[in-house]
Amino acid sequence: MTKRFIKPAREGLVVRQPLNGRPLPAEGAEVDWSGYWARRMADGSVVKAKPPQKTKAKPTAVATDQKEAD
């Protein structure tokens, strides 16, 4: 099945997902493309969107110096 990243066409528009009834997140989501989503795109409820860029987490410095107790 094909996947596409889509989001509601405008702010405040609630577009329900067909399998669980939950609203499509305002920032968008990757969905299994189906006739349902094709109809939502045709009626102007959803638009194609770019997924948010994943940023690589910077490694945090870990203290490795431990002084032995005398």
Protein backbone atom coordinates (compact mmCIF):
# COMPACT_ATOMS: atom_id res chain seq x y z
CA MET A 1 0.00 0.00 0.00
CA THR A 2 1.26 3.47 -0.82
CA LYS A 3 1.92 5.95 1.96
CA ARG A 4 1.67 9.74 1.70
CA PHE A 5 2.25 12.58 4.12
CA ILE A 6 -0.79 14.85 4.27
CA LYS A 7 -2.27 17.50 6.55
CA PRO A 8 -5.59 19.35 6.87
CA ALA A 9 -5.95 22.00 4.17
CA ARG A 10 -6.39 24.87 6.61
CA GLU A 11 -5.92 25.64 10.29
CA GLY A 12 -8.78 24.51 12.49
CA LEU A 13 -10.20 22.04 9.95
CA VAL A 14 -10.92 18.66 11.54
CA VAL A 15 -10.47 15.70 9.19
CA ARG A 16 -11.22 12.34 10.77
CA GLN A 17 -9.10 9.28 10.04
CA PRO A 18 -11.22 6.44 8.66
CA LEU A 19 -9.94 3.55 10.79
CA ASN A 20 -9.90 5.09 14.26
CA GLY A 21 -12.05 8.23 13.98
CA ARG A 22 -9.30 10.43 15.44
CA PRO A 23 -8.58 13.81 13.86
CA LEU A 24 -5.67 14.05 11.46
CA PRO A 25 -2.98 16.04 13.34
CA ALA A 26 -2.68 19.70 12.30
CA GLU A 27 1.06 19.17 11.60
CA GLY A 28 0.18 16.25 9.32
CA ALA A 29 0.74 12.52 9.31
CA GLU A 30 1.82 9.72 7.04
CA VAL A 31 -1.24 7.71 6.01
CA ASP A 32 -1.94 4.63 3.93
CA TRP A 33 -3.25 6.16 0.73
CA SER A 34 -6.78 4.96 -0.05
CA GLY A 35 -9.94 6.04 -1.81
CA TYR A 36 -10.97 7.81 1.39
CA TRP A 37 -7.92 10.08 1.33
CA ALA A 38 -8.20 10.59 -2.44
CA ARG A 39 -11.76 11.86 -1.90
CA ARG A 40 -10.63 14.15 0.95
CA MET A 41 -7.97 15.59 -1.35
CA ALA A 42 -10.47 16.01 -4.21
CA ASP A 43 -12.90 17.89 -1.95
CA GLY A 44 -10.10 20.15 -0.64
CA SER A 45 -10.02 18.85 2.95
CA VAL A 46 -6.39 17.70 2.88
CA VAL A 47 -3.23 18.70 1.03
CA LYS A 48 0.13 17.05 0.43
CA ALA A 49 2.75 18.16 2.90
CA LYS A 50 6.42 17.59 3.61
CA PRO A 51 7.22 15.56 6.71
CA PRO A 52 9.04 17.50 9.42
CA GLN A 53 12.79 17.24 9.18
CA LYS A 54 14.27 14.91 11.75
CA THR A 55 17.13 16.53 13.55
CA LYS A 56 19.92 14.43 14.92
CA ALA A 57 20.23 14.71 18.65
CA LYS A 58 23.56 16.02 19.76
CA PRO A 59 25.31 13.57 22.04
CA THR A 60 25.57 14.81 25.56
CA ALA A 61 28.87 14.78 27.37
CA VAL A 62 29.06 12.07 29.99
CA ALA A 63 31.33 12.59 32.96
CA THR A 64 33.75 9.69 33.07
CA ASP A 65 36.22 11.02 35.62
CA GLN A 66 35.61 9.41 38.95
CA LYS A 67 38.05 9.83 41.79
CA GLU A 68 38.68 6.86 43.97
CA ALA A 69 37.77 7.25 47.61
CA ASP A 70 40.81 7.15 49.89
